[in-house]
Amino acid sequence: MSAWVTVTPLARDDIKASRDFYESRRPGLGMAFVDEVLGMFDRVAANPLAYGEFESGVRAAATRVFGHVVYYRGDSRKVEI
């Protein structure tokens, strides 16, 4: 069973800004970025404790292609990004 994922407004704004940046560089690249970030959300939800602690209570999961880091806190039931 996967954890419930909540995306904060700050994280949502960050994702939108990065999407717009990549999309301005090449059509379709922004959506590729969003797909990668959503995939990372799925991996975090499936196993929240798999990624290392960045600081007390905050974990960090790096995306594979774009090099962005998803910071989150939570446990096996609930994750806040």
Protein backbone atom coordinates (compact mmCIF):
# COMPACT_ATOMS: atom_id res chain seq x y z
CA MET A 1 0.00 0.00 0.00
CA SER A 2 1.37 3.40 -0.97
CA ALA A 3 1.52 6.46 1.23
CA TRP A 4 -0.90 9.32 0.61
CA VAL A 5 1.04 12.17 -1.09
CA THR A 6 0.26 15.86 -0.53
CA VAL A 7 2.04 18.51 -2.62
CA THR A 8 2.45 21.88 -0.90
CA PRO A 9 1.68 25.09 -2.79
CA LEU A 10 5.39 26.01 -2.71
CA ALA A 11 6.38 22.69 -4.31
CA ARG A 12 3.58 23.03 -6.88
CA ASP A 13 4.85 26.51 -7.82
CA ASP A 14 8.41 25.17 -8.12
CA ILE A 15 7.26 22.40 -10.44
CA LYS A 16 5.28 24.82 -12.62
CA ALA A 17 8.23 27.23 -12.88
CA SER A 18 10.60 24.42 -13.86
CA ARG A 19 8.07 23.04 -16.34
CA ASP A 20 7.74 26.47 -17.97
CA PHE A 21 11.53 26.88 -18.09
CA TYR A 22 12.08 23.52 -19.80
CA GLU A 23 9.14 24.05 -22.14
CA SER A 24 10.63 27.39 -23.24
CA ARG A 25 13.84 25.57 -24.15
CA ARG A 26 12.18 22.88 -26.24
CA PRO A 27 8.51 22.04 -26.83
CA GLY A 28 7.59 18.88 -24.93
CA LEU A 29 10.54 19.07 -22.54
CA GLY A 30 8.40 20.70 -19.84
CA MET A 31 5.94 17.83 -19.88
CA ALA A 32 8.81 15.33 -19.83
CA PHE A 33 10.01 17.06 -16.66
CA VAL A 34 6.54 16.85 -15.09
CA ASP A 35 6.31 13.14 -16.00
CA GLU A 36 9.65 12.49 -14.30
CA VAL A 37 8.62 14.38 -11.16
CA LEU A 38 5.29 12.53 -10.97
CA GLY A 39 7.18 9.25 -11.36
CA MET A 40 9.36 10.25 -8.42
CA PHE A 41 6.23 11.02 -6.39
CA ASP A 42 5.04 7.46 -7.15
CA ARG A 43 8.37 5.97 -6.04
CA VAL A 44 8.38 8.03 -2.84
CA ALA A 45 4.76 7.01 -2.11
CA ALA A 46 5.61 3.34 -2.64
CA ASN A 47 8.58 3.43 -0.27
CA PRO A 48 8.94 6.72 1.63
CA LEU A 49 11.79 5.52 3.82
CA ALA A 50 13.96 4.43 0.87
CA TYR A 51 15.55 7.84 0.38
CA GLY A 52 18.14 9.39 2.66
CA GLU A 53 17.51 12.04 5.25
CA PHE A 54 18.63 15.50 4.14
CA GLU A 55 18.05 16.96 7.58
CA SER A 56 16.06 15.87 10.60
CA GLY A 57 12.72 14.58 9.33
CA VAL A 58 13.28 15.71 5.72
CA ARG A 59 14.23 13.23 3.02
CA ALA A 60 15.60 13.93 -0.46
CA ALA A 61 14.97 11.97 -3.66
CA ALA A 62 16.81 13.03 -6.82
CA THR A 63 15.15 12.76 -10.21
CA ARG A 64 17.11 10.75 -12.75
CA VAL A 65 17.14 12.86 -15.90
CA PHE A 66 16.64 16.48 -14.87
CA GLY A 67 18.68 16.46 -11.68
CA HIS A 68 16.00 18.06 -9.53
CA VAL A 69 15.55 16.94 -5.94
CA VAL A 70 12.20 16.20 -4.33
CA TYR A 71 12.28 17.07 -0.62
CA TYR A 72 9.61 15.52 1.55
CA ARG A 73 8.67 14.47 5.04
CA GLY A 74 6.44 11.65 6.12
CA ASP A 75 6.07 7.99 6.84
CA SER A 76 4.49 4.87 5.33
CA ARG A 77 0.97 6.39 5.59
CA LYS A 78 1.43 10.03 4.56
CA VAL A 79 4.03 12.09 2.67
CA GLU A 80 4.19 15.87 2.27
CA ILE A 81 6.25 17.23 -0.60
